[in-house]
Amino acid sequence: MYRFSETMDEYSLLVRTLALRRDGHPLYNESIDHASIVVENLFRSARKSIDVLSGDMNPRVFGRNEVIEEANLFLISNPEHKIRVILEKDLPNARKIHPFFKKFGNLPNVELHIAPAELQARYNFHFIVVDEDCYRFENDRTLPAAVVAFGDQDGATHLGSLYDKLWSKSAQVPALPNAQAAS
């Protein structure tokens, strides 16, 4: 498993290389900065779907311009592309100023659910699963440390199945009325 590199530029190059190879080789992600690089590349690598389980979609990760741009490119490249988000915190006022939700909160192919407290009590992780072969998995939802893989079909399929179960037990949130359309 790759651990981490000396500089953010080296880490970014490593993540981009692994994303392009999509060979399932695991990578360690240990910080918010690493997470933002990984999420940017997960969005860039997505071919049809992105599923996110998060506390509040930390704006230091999901609000970065590079992540917003990759999400936008993903969504406008095909109207059948989907992003589903399960949040643990229902903070409508925070979502109104969150860059991701401001940009995409009213699009029909971006859906938001809130995990009820009793469901949250049954797990301690966060993850993103892309298509059926890429993911970022935080074993402890209180820490940014995670394992990442691009091209691991077994791991992503397992996480995708778990995501579908969590999605079905979470409450749908209506679209934000003032969100911008992707362009």
Protein backbone atom coordinates (compact mmCIF):
# COMPACT_ATOMS: atom_id res chain seq x y z
CA MET A 1 0.00 0.00 0.00
CA TYR A 2 1.23 3.45 -0.83
CA ARG A 3 1.34 5.55 2.28
CA PHE A 4 2.03 9.20 1.55
CA SER A 5 4.55 11.40 -0.18
CA GLU A 6 6.73 14.24 1.03
CA THR A 7 4.80 17.09 -0.61
CA MET A 8 1.22 17.75 -1.62
CA ASP A 9 2.33 17.97 -5.26
CA GLU A 10 3.87 14.48 -5.03
CA TYR A 11 0.77 13.14 -3.32
CA SER A 12 -1.46 14.73 -5.94
CA LEU A 13 0.60 13.19 -8.76
CA LEU A 14 0.47 9.78 -7.07
CA VAL A 15 -3.31 9.95 -6.64
CA ARG A 16 -3.82 11.10 -10.22
CA THR A 17 -1.60 8.26 -11.49
CA LEU A 18 -3.46 5.64 -9.47
CA ALA A 19 -6.80 7.07 -10.62
CA LEU A 20 -5.73 6.78 -14.25
CA ARG A 21 -4.38 3.23 -13.77
CA ARG A 22 -7.53 2.16 -11.93
CA ASP A 23 -5.78 -1.06 -10.92
CA GLY A 24 -7.10 -1.35 -7.35
CA HIS A 25 -3.81 -0.56 -5.63
CA PRO A 26 -4.62 0.86 -2.16
CA LEU A 27 -3.45 4.26 -1.02
CA TYR A 28 -3.39 5.78 2.44
CA ASN A 29 -5.02 9.18 2.95
CA GLU A 30 -4.16 10.83 6.27
CA SER A 31 -5.29 14.47 6.22
CA ILE A 32 -7.96 16.91 5.07
CA ASP A 33 -5.59 18.06 2.30
CA HIS A 34 -5.11 14.47 1.16
CA ALA A 35 -8.88 13.95 1.29
CA SER A 36 -9.52 16.93 -0.99
CA ILE A 37 -7.01 15.62 -3.54
CA VAL A 38 -8.58 12.16 -3.40
CA VAL A 39 -12.16 13.45 -3.68
CA GLU A 40 -11.22 15.64 -6.65
CA ASN A 41 -9.80 12.57 -8.39
CA LEU A 42 -12.75 10.37 -7.45
CA PHE A 43 -15.10 12.91 -9.03
CA ARG A 44 -12.82 13.16 -12.08
CA SER A 45 -12.76 9.35 -12.41
CA ALA A 46 -16.51 8.84 -12.05
CA ARG A 47 -18.29 7.37 -15.05
CA LYS A 48 -21.87 7.12 -13.78
CA SER A 49 -22.39 7.46 -10.02
CA ILE A 50 -20.95 8.97 -6.86
CA ASP A 51 -22.31 8.02 -3.43
CA VAL A 52 -21.15 9.95 -0.35
CA LEU A 53 -21.71 9.11 3.33
CA SER A 54 -20.46 12.03 5.43
CA GLY A 55 -21.11 14.02 8.57
CA ASP A 56 -21.51 17.36 6.81
CA MET A 57 -19.41 17.15 3.61
CA ASN A 58 -16.58 19.18 5.09
CA PRO A 59 -16.31 22.35 2.97
CA ARG A 60 -12.49 22.14 3.20
CA VAL A 61 -12.83 19.01 1.06
CA PHE A 62 -16.10 19.24 -0.88
CA GLY A 63 -16.13 23.03 -1.15
CA ARG A 64 -12.77 23.39 -2.90
CA ASN A 65 -12.93 24.89 -6.38
CA GLU A 66 -11.23 21.83 -7.91
CA VAL A 67 -13.79 19.47 -6.39
CA ILE A 68 -16.71 21.69 -7.46
CA GLU A 69 -15.30 21.85 -11.00
CA GLU A 70 -14.90 18.05 -11.25
CA ALA A 71 -18.41 17.52 -9.86
CA ASN A 72 -19.76 20.00 -12.39
CA LEU A 73 -17.96 18.29 -15.29
CA PHE A 74 -19.27 14.93 -14.13
CA LEU A 75 -22.86 16.15 -13.87
CA ILE A 76 -23.02 18.10 -17.16
CA SER A 77 -21.30 15.40 -19.24
CA ASN A 78 -24.33 13.10 -19.01
CA PRO A 79 -27.81 13.78 -17.58
CA GLU A 80 -27.93 10.21 -16.27
CA HIS A 81 -24.92 10.78 -13.98
CA LYS A 82 -25.95 10.78 -10.31
CA ILE A 83 -24.58 12.01 -7.03
CA ARG A 84 -26.27 10.76 -3.88
CA VAL A 85 -25.31 12.15 -0.48
CA ILE A 86 -26.18 10.88 2.98
CA LEU A 87 -25.38 13.41 5.70
CA GLU A 88 -25.45 12.81 9.43
CA LYS A 89 -26.05 16.44 10.33
CA ASP A 90 -29.21 18.16 9.12
CA LEU A 91 -28.01 21.76 8.87
CA PRO A 92 -30.13 23.55 6.24
CA ASN A 93 -28.59 26.97 6.93
CA ALA A 94 -25.07 25.56 6.53
CA ARG A 95 -26.07 23.92 3.25
CA LYS A 96 -27.29 27.29 1.94
CA ILE A 97 -23.71 28.62 2.12
CA HIS A 98 -21.86 25.36 1.38
CA PRO A 99 -20.25 25.69 -2.09
CA PHE A 100 -21.28 22.17 -3.15
CA PHE A 101 -24.94 22.54 -2.20
CA LYS A 102 -25.13 26.12 -3.50
CA LYS A 103 -24.00 24.88 -6.91
CA PHE A 104 -25.77 21.52 -7.11
CA GLY A 105 -28.46 21.46 -4.41
CA ASN A 106 -31.44 21.74 -6.75
CA LEU A 107 -30.34 19.47 -9.59
CA PRO A 108 -32.50 16.40 -10.22
CA ASN A 109 -29.44 14.14 -10.45
CA VAL A 110 -28.11 15.23 -7.04
CA GLU A 111 -30.04 13.72 -4.15
CA LEU A 112 -29.66 14.29 -0.42
CA HIS A 113 -30.72 12.15 2.51
CA ILE A 114 -30.17 12.54 6.25
CA ALA A 115 -29.25 9.48 8.32
CA PRO A 116 -31.38 9.28 11.47
CA ALA A 117 -29.52 9.15 14.80
CA GLU A 118 -30.52 5.54 15.43
CA LEU A 119 -28.98 4.51 12.12
CA GLN A 120 -25.79 6.50 12.82
CA ALA A 121 -25.41 4.65 16.11
CA ARG A 122 -24.97 1.42 14.13
CA TYR A 123 -21.80 2.46 12.27
CA ASN A 124 -18.63 4.50 12.87
CA PHE A 125 -17.35 5.09 9.33
CA HIS A 126 -17.70 7.43 6.36
CA PHE A 127 -17.05 6.64 2.73
CA ILE A 128 -17.41 7.61 -0.90
CA VAL A 129 -18.00 4.98 -3.53
CA VAL A 130 -17.68 5.80 -7.23
CA ASP A 131 -19.18 3.61 -9.92
CA GLU A 132 -18.56 0.07 -8.86
CA ASP A 133 -14.79 0.11 -8.50
CA CYS A 134 -13.45 3.18 -6.63
CA TYR A 135 -13.75 4.35 -3.04
CA ARG A 136 -12.39 6.29 -0.10
CA PHE A 137 -13.14 4.63 3.25
CA GLU A 138 -12.69 6.26 6.68
CA ASN A 139 -12.81 3.53 9.32
CA ASP A 140 -13.29 6.18 12.04
CA ARG A 141 -15.67 8.98 11.07
CA THR A 142 -14.02 11.38 13.53
CA LEU A 143 -10.70 11.28 11.66
CA PRO A 144 -9.71 12.17 8.08
CA ALA A 145 -7.50 9.06 7.75
CA ALA A 146 -8.77 6.72 5.03
CA VAL A 147 -7.90 3.97 2.59
CA VAL A 148 -8.45 4.81 -1.06
CA ALA A 149 -8.59 2.58 -4.13
CA PHE A 150 -9.28 3.24 -7.78
CA GLY A 151 -10.26 0.05 -9.57
CA ASP A 152 -11.07 -2.24 -6.62
CA GLN A 153 -14.32 -3.78 -7.79
CA ASP A 154 -14.74 -6.10 -4.79
CA GLY A 155 -14.31 -3.35 -2.20
CA ALA A 156 -16.46 -0.85 -4.08
CA THR A 157 -19.22 -3.37 -4.72
CA HIS A 158 -19.37 -4.20 -1.02
CA LEU A 159 -19.48 -0.50 -0.09
CA GLY A 160 -22.09 0.18 -2.76
CA SER A 161 -24.35 -2.51 -1.33
CA LEU A 162 -23.90 -1.09 2.16
CA TYR A 163 -24.63 2.41 0.83
CA ASP A 164 -27.88 1.27 -0.73
CA LYS A 165 -29.02 -0.14 2.64
CA LEU A 166 -28.13 3.11 4.44
CA TRP A 167 -29.83 5.14 1.70
CA SER A 168 -33.06 3.19 2.09
CA LYS A 169 -33.10 3.87 5.84
CA SER A 170 -32.32 7.61 5.53
CA ALA A 171 -34.76 10.48 5.08
CA GLN A 172 -34.93 12.41 1.81
CA VAL A 173 -34.27 16.16 1.95
CA PRO A 174 -35.90 18.49 -0.59
CA ALA A 175 -33.75 20.46 -3.00
CA LEU A 176 -32.49 23.87 -2.02
CA PRO A 177 -34.64 26.48 -3.77
CA ASN A 178 -31.78 28.92 -4.40
CA ALA A 179 -29.11 26.54 -5.70
CA GLN A 180 -27.49 27.37 -9.04
CA ALA A 181 -27.90 25.08 -12.01
CA ALA A 182 -24.72 23.40 -13.22
CA SER A 183 -23.23 24.94 -16.32
